[in-house]
Amino acid sequence: MDGPWEVKVGATAGAVWGRTEQQDFRSRVRGTLLGLAVGDALGAPVDGLGIDGIREAYGAEGLVDLAPAYGRRGAVTHLTQLTLFSVDGLIRAQVRRDTGAWHPPTDLHRAYLRWAATQRDWGPDLRRKDDGWLAREEWLYARRDPSKALLLGLADTTMGTPEAPKNPGELGPEAAARSAPFGLLVGWEPQLVAQLAVECAAQTHGHPTAYVAAGAYAVIVHALALGESLDAAVQRGFALLAARPGHQPVSDALQRALGAVRQGLPGPERVAELCGAGTAESLVGAAVYCALVAADVRHGLTLAVNHDGPSAATAALTGGLLGALHGETALPPAWLAELEGRPTILELADDFAMEMTQGPALHSPAGASPGWLARYPRA
């Protein structure tokens, strides 16, 4: 079960970060999390609608701006909620490592169980001191159409693994869509980023194609966060996938995405064709396509929502890629201004960037900042 987590990896504890590098990294972290959330929010009102229904509701061009969902403009779905808990789990893993315990999938599983509590409880339980600050954010206590696979996978405390996964037939995209934060572990080797994404995906989405798609997506984000082009990032994904059993459906989906770039102007039919049945590998491929052909972030995200496939997941995956590629300043300001939970997302993004670049100044086996431990308890 321990596998690569026996190896001393993780935070860039021994790296020296200059101010420029820290600023660039923080911009990409913010861009990834905000981009994913904005894409999610843009797609939420039309999730489940075909292109004809979207045009009937929003005009011939389809949906080109935020629209109401869940009672407000800019509302996010469970995809953003879970992504935030992925970030929380990664920070907690780094903090808990001071105790000598080092098994990141377990820390992520605990984070996902905290998310599951937000789907059951009316609000935060302030008596649970070990939950940390994110689980006390009241706006997260809202059901935003989580899939059955998520609720079943996290219905008890047993953690799924690739060897004994939860929901072994589940092919949905939710695990891939919460995997962008793993790609932001820029001090890790790509194969370990992929491994962590795979192990955490198997906690709810146990089909090999679903968890390998999560690993591929995380590796692509990882390369983008390191400053590589999207083409180069996808090629890195191919190289890593080749050595992993069960990779072929994911590799094929990415290859179809690259091929589609050369097939003329992008449009709803091409995106819908790439989305296929809405499985994880197909939506990762569609997101890569939308990001590759995007003239800018707005264009890429509107392309990702206006089609016959799952709009929220496709746009969330696309937004994560574009945000990692371009940083936060490339995102449409008017959309960010209305985004649900934006202060929380920014606070968490900045905490993650600070932990990954300056973690040793915040905590060590010898001592820690009380404020940091209050936010991210070791327990």
Protein backbone atom coordinates (compact mmCIF):
# COMPACT_ATOMS: atom_id res chain seq x y z
CA MET A 1 0.00 0.00 0.00
CA ASP A 2 2.84 2.42 0.77
CA GLY A 3 4.54 2.03 -2.61
CA PRO A 4 6.31 5.23 -3.68
CA TRP A 5 5.31 7.02 -0.47
CA GLU A 6 8.14 5.22 1.28
CA VAL A 7 10.43 7.44 -0.79
CA LYS A 8 11.20 10.87 0.56
CA VAL A 9 9.47 13.13 -1.91
CA GLY A 10 7.22 16.08 -1.73
CA ALA A 11 7.48 19.62 -1.11
CA THR A 12 10.24 21.63 -2.56
CA ALA A 13 11.76 21.67 0.89
CA GLY A 14 15.32 21.78 -0.38
CA ALA A 15 14.69 24.16 -3.26
CA VAL A 16 15.53 27.84 -3.25
CA TRP A 17 12.70 29.96 -4.63
CA GLY A 18 13.47 33.46 -5.88
CA ARG A 19 10.82 36.13 -5.64
CA THR A 20 10.06 35.99 -9.37
CA GLU A 21 9.65 32.21 -9.27
CA GLN A 22 7.36 32.45 -6.25
CA GLN A 23 5.19 35.06 -7.95
CA ASP A 24 4.93 33.04 -11.14
CA PHE A 25 4.04 29.89 -9.21
CA ARG A 26 1.38 31.66 -7.17
CA SER A 27 -0.14 33.08 -10.34
CA ARG A 28 -0.33 29.62 -11.88
CA VAL A 29 -1.82 28.10 -8.71
CA ARG A 30 -4.44 30.84 -8.59
CA GLY A 31 -5.03 30.51 -12.31
CA THR A 32 -5.53 26.75 -12.10
CA LEU A 33 -8.01 26.86 -9.22
CA LEU A 34 -9.89 29.95 -10.42
CA GLY A 35 -9.88 28.74 -14.03
CA LEU A 36 -11.35 25.41 -13.05
CA ALA A 37 -14.01 27.09 -10.89
CA VAL A 38 -14.95 29.64 -13.56
CA GLY A 39 -15.29 26.89 -16.15
CA ASP A 40 -17.40 24.89 -13.73
CA ALA A 41 -19.62 27.92 -13.04
CA LEU A 42 -20.00 28.72 -16.72
CA GLY A 43 -21.06 25.18 -17.52
CA ALA A 44 -23.34 24.64 -14.51
CA PRO A 45 -26.51 26.24 -15.98
CA VAL A 46 -26.38 24.10 -19.13
CA ASP A 47 -25.03 20.84 -17.73
CA GLY A 48 -27.20 18.10 -19.19
CA LEU A 49 -28.54 20.26 -22.04
CA GLY A 50 -27.70 19.46 -25.65
CA ILE A 51 -26.55 22.17 -28.04
CA ASP A 52 -30.08 22.66 -29.39
CA GLY A 53 -31.41 23.21 -25.88
CA ILE A 54 -28.56 25.61 -25.08
CA ARG A 55 -29.28 27.68 -28.20
CA GLU A 56 -32.98 27.69 -27.49
CA ALA A 57 -32.32 29.04 -24.01
CA TYR A 58 -29.45 31.45 -24.73
CA GLY A 59 -29.55 32.32 -28.44
CA ALA A 60 -27.85 31.20 -31.64
CA GLU A 61 -24.33 31.60 -30.23
CA GLY A 62 -25.16 29.51 -27.20
CA LEU A 63 -24.04 30.40 -23.68
CA VAL A 64 -21.41 33.16 -23.80
CA ASP A 65 -21.66 34.56 -20.27
CA LEU A 66 -22.34 33.40 -16.73
CA ALA A 67 -25.97 32.52 -16.14
CA PRO A 68 -27.96 31.57 -13.03
CA ALA A 69 -27.58 28.10 -11.54
CA TYR A 70 -28.50 27.00 -8.03
CA GLY A 71 -30.14 30.38 -7.48
CA ARG A 72 -27.28 32.71 -8.48
CA ARG A 73 -24.85 33.63 -11.23
CA GLY A 74 -21.37 32.19 -10.88
CA ALA A 75 -22.41 29.20 -8.77
CA VAL A 76 -20.02 26.24 -8.80
CA THR A 77 -20.76 22.52 -8.64
CA HIS A 78 -19.34 19.63 -6.63
CA LEU A 79 -16.36 19.61 -9.03
CA THR A 80 -14.98 22.83 -7.57
CA GLN A 81 -15.89 21.81 -4.03
CA LEU A 82 -13.87 18.61 -4.33
CA THR A 83 -10.95 20.35 -5.98
CA LEU A 84 -10.68 22.69 -3.00
CA PHE A 85 -10.61 19.72 -0.64
CA SER A 86 -7.86 18.20 -2.80
CA VAL A 87 -5.77 21.30 -2.11
CA ASP A 88 -6.62 21.16 1.59
CA GLY A 89 -5.57 17.50 1.72
CA LEU A 90 -2.25 18.20 0.01
CA ILE A 91 -1.35 20.94 2.48
CA ARG A 92 -2.38 18.73 5.40
CA ALA A 93 -0.18 15.92 4.03
CA GLN A 94 2.84 18.21 4.06
CA VAL A 95 2.12 19.42 7.59
CA ARG A 96 1.46 15.94 8.95
CA ARG A 97 4.72 14.73 7.49
CA ASP A 98 6.49 16.44 10.40
CA THR A 99 5.13 13.67 12.61
CA GLY A 100 6.90 11.00 10.56
CA ALA A 101 3.67 9.91 8.89
CA TRP A 102 3.86 10.11 5.10
CA HIS A 103 1.06 8.64 3.06
CA PRO A 104 -0.54 11.38 0.97
CA PRO A 105 -3.44 9.25 -0.36
CA THR A 106 -4.64 8.81 3.23
CA ASP A 107 -4.56 12.56 3.84
CA LEU A 108 -6.47 13.16 0.61
CA HIS A 109 -9.02 10.53 1.58
CA ARG A 110 -9.58 12.27 4.90
CA ALA A 111 -10.05 15.54 3.03
CA TYR A 112 -12.63 13.95 0.74
CA LEU A 113 -14.45 12.59 3.79
CA ARG A 114 -14.59 16.17 5.08
CA TRP A 115 -16.19 17.13 1.77
CA ALA A 116 -18.67 14.24 2.14
CA ALA A 117 -19.68 15.71 5.50
CA THR A 118 -20.59 18.97 3.75
CA GLN A 119 -23.06 16.99 1.66
CA ARG A 120 -24.77 15.51 4.74
CA ASP A 121 -24.59 18.21 7.40
CA TRP A 122 -26.51 21.48 7.64
CA GLY A 123 -23.34 23.40 8.39
CA PRO A 124 -19.90 23.24 10.04
CA ASP A 125 -19.54 21.42 13.33
CA LEU A 126 -17.31 23.78 15.31
CA ARG A 127 -16.65 21.06 17.87
CA ARG A 128 -14.49 19.22 15.31
CA LYS A 129 -11.27 21.14 15.91
CA ASP A 130 -9.24 18.90 13.61
CA ASP A 131 -11.29 19.76 10.53
CA GLY A 132 -9.31 22.91 9.74
CA TRP A 133 -10.59 26.16 8.30
CA LEU A 134 -11.86 25.00 4.89
CA ALA A 135 -14.42 22.64 6.40
CA ARG A 136 -15.80 25.61 8.35
CA GLU A 137 -16.66 27.57 5.20
CA GLU A 138 -20.46 27.67 5.29
CA TRP A 139 -20.96 28.20 1.55
CA LEU A 140 -19.50 24.75 0.88
CA TYR A 141 -22.41 23.09 2.72
CA ALA A 142 -24.54 22.79 -0.38
CA ARG A 143 -25.34 19.80 -2.57
CA ARG A 144 -24.46 20.62 -6.14
CA ASP A 145 -25.52 17.44 -7.91
CA PRO A 146 -22.70 15.13 -6.81
CA SER A 147 -22.68 11.85 -8.69
CA LYS A 148 -23.72 8.59 -7.09
CA ALA A 149 -20.15 7.34 -7.46
CA LEU A 150 -18.85 10.13 -5.25
CA LEU A 151 -21.44 9.62 -2.54
CA LEU A 152 -21.01 5.84 -2.53
CA GLY A 153 -17.23 5.98 -2.68
CA LEU A 154 -17.08 8.24 0.35
CA ALA A 155 -20.03 6.78 2.25
CA ASP A 156 -17.76 5.02 4.77
CA THR A 157 -14.21 5.33 6.01
CA THR A 158 -12.77 2.50 3.90
CA MET A 159 -10.29 3.94 1.41
CA GLY A 160 -10.31 2.61 -2.13
CA THR A 161 -6.98 1.80 -3.77
CA PRO A 162 -6.03 0.74 -7.31
CA GLU A 163 -5.74 -2.81 -5.97
CA ALA A 164 -9.14 -2.64 -4.25
CA PRO A 165 -10.92 0.36 -5.75
CA LYS A 166 -14.28 1.82 -4.87
CA ASN A 167 -16.86 1.62 -7.70
CA PRO A 168 -14.67 -0.55 -9.96
CA GLY A 169 -16.91 -0.02 -12.98
CA GLU A 170 -17.13 3.77 -12.70
CA LEU A 171 -15.86 5.69 -15.73
CA GLY A 172 -17.08 9.21 -14.90
CA PRO A 173 -14.92 12.36 -15.04
CA GLU A 174 -15.28 13.61 -11.47
CA ALA A 175 -12.01 12.14 -10.19
CA ALA A 176 -10.07 13.62 -13.10
CA ALA A 177 -11.72 17.00 -12.55
CA ARG A 178 -10.52 17.18 -8.93
CA SER A 179 -6.95 16.20 -9.88
CA ALA A 180 -5.56 19.53 -11.09
CA PRO A 181 -4.02 20.34 -7.66
CA PHE A 182 -1.79 17.26 -7.90
CA GLY A 183 -0.24 18.81 -10.98
CA LEU A 184 0.73 21.85 -8.93
CA LEU A 185 3.22 19.75 -6.95
CA VAL A 186 6.02 21.15 -9.08
CA GLY A 187 8.74 19.82 -6.77
CA TRP A 188 7.65 16.23 -7.45
CA GLU A 189 8.70 13.98 -10.29
CA PRO A 190 5.91 13.57 -12.88
CA GLN A 191 5.53 9.84 -12.27
CA LEU A 192 4.80 10.49 -8.58
CA VAL A 193 2.26 13.18 -9.49
CA ALA A 194 0.54 10.62 -11.72
CA GLN A 195 0.69 7.96 -9.03
CA LEU A 196 -0.91 10.17 -6.42
CA ALA A 197 -3.69 11.20 -8.80
CA VAL A 198 -4.32 7.56 -9.69
CA GLU A 199 -4.45 6.40 -6.08
CA CYS A 200 -6.76 9.23 -5.06
CA ALA A 201 -9.06 8.71 -8.04
CA ALA A 202 -9.49 5.04 -7.13
CA GLN A 203 -11.13 6.17 -3.90
CA THR A 204 -14.31 6.91 -5.86
CA HIS A 205 -13.74 5.99 -9.53
CA GLY A 206 -12.32 2.50 -9.68
CA HIS A 207 -12.27 1.73 -13.40
CA PRO A 208 -8.66 1.80 -14.65
CA THR A 209 -9.54 4.16 -17.47
CA ALA A 210 -11.02 6.69 -15.01
CA TYR A 211 -8.07 6.70 -12.65
CA VAL A 212 -5.45 6.64 -15.41
CA ALA A 213 -7.24 9.64 -16.99
CA ALA A 214 -6.90 11.45 -13.66
CA GLY A 215 -3.17 10.70 -13.65
CA ALA A 216 -2.76 11.91 -17.23
CA TYR A 217 -4.60 15.16 -16.50
CA ALA A 218 -2.48 15.82 -13.41
CA VAL A 219 0.74 15.26 -15.37
CA ILE A 220 -0.37 17.70 -18.08
CA VAL A 221 -1.15 20.36 -15.45
CA HIS A 222 2.22 19.62 -13.82
CA ALA A 223 4.10 20.35 -17.04
CA LEU A 224 2.10 23.55 -17.59
CA ALA A 225 2.80 24.71 -14.04
CA LEU A 226 6.51 24.27 -14.80
CA GLY A 227 6.16 26.60 -17.78
CA GLU A 228 5.94 24.13 -20.65
CA SER A 229 3.65 24.62 -23.65
CA LEU A 230 0.41 22.68 -23.86
CA ASP A 231 1.73 20.60 -26.76
CA ALA A 232 4.82 19.67 -24.76
CA ALA A 233 2.69 18.94 -21.70
CA VAL A 234 0.50 16.51 -23.63
CA GLN A 235 3.57 14.79 -25.03
CA ARG A 236 4.86 14.37 -21.49
CA GLY A 237 1.52 12.79 -20.64
CA PHE A 238 1.92 10.34 -23.51
CA ALA A 239 5.40 9.37 -22.37
CA LEU A 240 4.26 8.63 -18.83
CA LEU A 241 1.12 6.80 -19.93
CA ALA A 242 3.04 4.41 -22.15
CA ALA A 243 4.46 2.55 -19.15
CA ARG A 244 1.15 2.20 -17.31
CA PRO A 245 -1.16 -0.79 -17.80
CA GLY A 246 -4.58 0.13 -19.13
CA HIS A 247 -3.41 3.40 -20.66
CA GLN A 248 -4.63 2.77 -24.21
CA PRO A 249 -8.13 4.35 -23.98
CA VAL A 250 -6.62 7.47 -22.42
CA SER A 251 -3.79 7.66 -24.95
CA ASP A 252 -6.30 7.21 -27.77
CA ALA A 253 -8.50 10.02 -26.43
CA LEU A 254 -5.54 12.40 -26.25
CA GLN A 255 -4.46 11.38 -29.74
CA ARG A 256 -7.95 12.11 -31.07
CA ALA A 257 -7.80 15.54 -29.43
CA LEU A 258 -4.50 16.35 -31.11
CA GLY A 259 -5.80 15.12 -34.45
CA ALA A 260 -8.97 17.21 -34.17
CA VAL A 261 -6.89 20.40 -33.94
CA ARG A 262 -5.95 19.93 -37.59
CA GLN A 263 -9.51 19.30 -38.78
CA GLY A 264 -10.72 22.85 -39.35
CA LEU A 265 -12.47 25.46 -37.25
CA PRO A 266 -13.59 24.32 -33.81
CA GLY A 267 -17.29 23.97 -33.11
CA PRO A 268 -19.89 22.17 -30.99
CA GLU A 269 -19.98 19.07 -33.17
CA ARG A 270 -16.26 18.45 -32.87
CA VAL A 271 -16.28 18.96 -29.09
CA ALA A 272 -19.30 16.67 -28.73
CA GLU A 273 -17.57 14.01 -30.80
CA LEU A 274 -14.53 14.15 -28.53
CA CYS A 275 -16.71 14.05 -25.40
CA GLY A 276 -18.30 10.82 -26.61
CA ALA A 277 -20.20 9.14 -23.81
CA GLY A 278 -18.88 11.58 -21.20
CA THR A 279 -16.30 9.22 -19.72
CA ALA A 280 -13.19 10.49 -17.97
CA GLU A 281 -10.71 9.92 -20.78
CA SER A 282 -13.03 11.49 -23.37
CA LEU A 283 -13.58 14.65 -21.36
CA VAL A 284 -9.88 15.03 -20.62
CA GLY A 285 -9.29 14.75 -24.36
CA ALA A 286 -12.03 17.28 -25.13
CA ALA A 287 -10.58 19.70 -22.57
CA VAL A 288 -7.12 19.39 -24.11
CA TYR A 289 -8.65 20.15 -27.51
CA CYS A 290 -10.56 23.21 -26.24
CA ALA A 291 -7.42 24.54 -24.58
CA LEU A 292 -5.27 23.93 -27.67
CA VAL A 293 -7.59 25.74 -30.09
CA ALA A 294 -8.57 28.55 -27.69
CA ALA A 295 -7.87 32.07 -28.95
CA ASP A 296 -8.08 33.14 -25.29
CA VAL A 297 -9.52 31.81 -22.04
CA ARG A 298 -13.04 33.09 -22.73
CA HIS A 299 -13.09 31.43 -26.15
CA GLY A 300 -11.77 28.13 -24.78
CA LEU A 301 -14.35 28.00 -21.98
CA THR A 302 -17.34 28.92 -24.16
CA LEU A 303 -16.25 26.24 -26.60
CA ALA A 304 -16.09 23.79 -23.68
CA VAL A 305 -19.68 24.42 -22.58
CA ASN A 306 -21.57 24.71 -25.89
CA HIS A 307 -21.98 21.13 -27.08
CA ASP A 308 -23.99 17.98 -26.43
CA GLY A 309 -21.66 16.59 -23.75
CA PRO A 310 -21.27 17.33 -20.01
CA SER A 311 -20.66 21.08 -19.95
CA ALA A 312 -19.52 21.68 -16.35
CA ALA A 313 -16.90 18.93 -16.27
CA THR A 314 -15.53 19.72 -19.74
CA ALA A 315 -15.22 23.41 -18.93
CA ALA A 316 -13.77 22.77 -15.46
CA LEU A 317 -11.06 20.56 -16.96
CA THR A 318 -10.42 23.14 -19.70
CA GLY A 319 -10.25 25.99 -17.19
CA GLY A 320 -7.70 24.14 -15.08
CA LEU A 321 -5.44 23.73 -18.12
CA LEU A 322 -5.77 27.32 -19.31
CA GLY A 323 -5.26 28.71 -15.82
CA ALA A 324 -2.11 26.66 -15.29
CA LEU A 325 -0.84 27.69 -18.72
CA HIS A 326 -1.50 31.43 -18.53
CA GLY A 327 -1.89 32.30 -14.84
CA GLU A 328 -4.67 34.18 -13.10
CA THR A 329 -4.42 37.45 -15.03
CA ALA A 330 -5.58 35.76 -18.25
CA LEU A 331 -8.97 34.86 -16.74
CA PRO A 332 -12.00 37.05 -17.59
CA PRO A 333 -12.27 39.60 -14.74
CA ALA A 334 -16.04 40.00 -15.08
CA TRP A 335 -16.50 36.27 -14.53
CA LEU A 336 -14.15 36.22 -11.57
CA ALA A 337 -16.06 39.11 -10.00
CA GLU A 338 -19.22 36.96 -9.80
CA LEU A 339 -17.58 33.63 -8.99
CA GLU A 340 -19.02 31.91 -5.95
CA GLY A 341 -16.46 31.35 -3.22
CA ARG A 342 -13.73 33.44 -4.87
CA PRO A 343 -12.29 34.71 -1.55
CA THR A 344 -12.02 31.12 -0.29
CA ILE A 345 -10.41 29.92 -3.51
CA LEU A 346 -7.84 32.73 -3.44
CA GLU A 347 -7.05 32.17 0.23
CA LEU A 348 -6.55 28.46 -0.30
CA ALA A 349 -4.47 29.01 -3.45
CA ASP A 350 -2.16 31.40 -1.63
CA ASP A 351 -1.84 29.02 1.33
CA PHE A 352 -0.90 26.22 -1.07
CA ALA A 353 1.68 28.38 -2.83
CA MET A 354 3.15 29.45 0.51
CA GLU A 355 3.31 25.87 1.79
CA MET A 356 5.02 24.61 -1.36
CA THR A 357 7.57 27.42 -1.55
CA GLN A 358 8.12 28.32 2.11
CA GLY A 359 6.87 25.33 4.06
CA PRO A 360 10.01 24.89 6.22
CA ALA A 361 9.49 28.41 7.57
CA LEU A 362 5.96 27.48 8.65
CA HIS A 363 6.51 24.10 10.26
CA SER A 364 9.08 21.39 10.93
CA PRO A 365 9.44 18.41 13.27
CA ALA A 366 10.98 20.79 15.80
CA GLY A 367 8.14 23.31 15.84
CA ALA A 368 5.46 25.07 13.88
CA SER A 369 3.50 28.27 13.55
CA PRO A 370 0.42 27.90 15.81
CA GLY A 371 -1.66 29.81 13.29
CA TRP A 372 -0.69 27.42 10.50
CA LEU A 373 -1.46 24.36 12.60
CA ALA A 374 -4.84 25.83 13.49
CA ARG A 375 -5.61 26.13 9.79
CA TYR A 376 -4.11 22.76 8.81
CA PRO A 377 -4.03 20.49 11.88
CA ARG A 378 -1.64 17.56 12.00
CA ALA A 379 -4.24 15.20 13.42
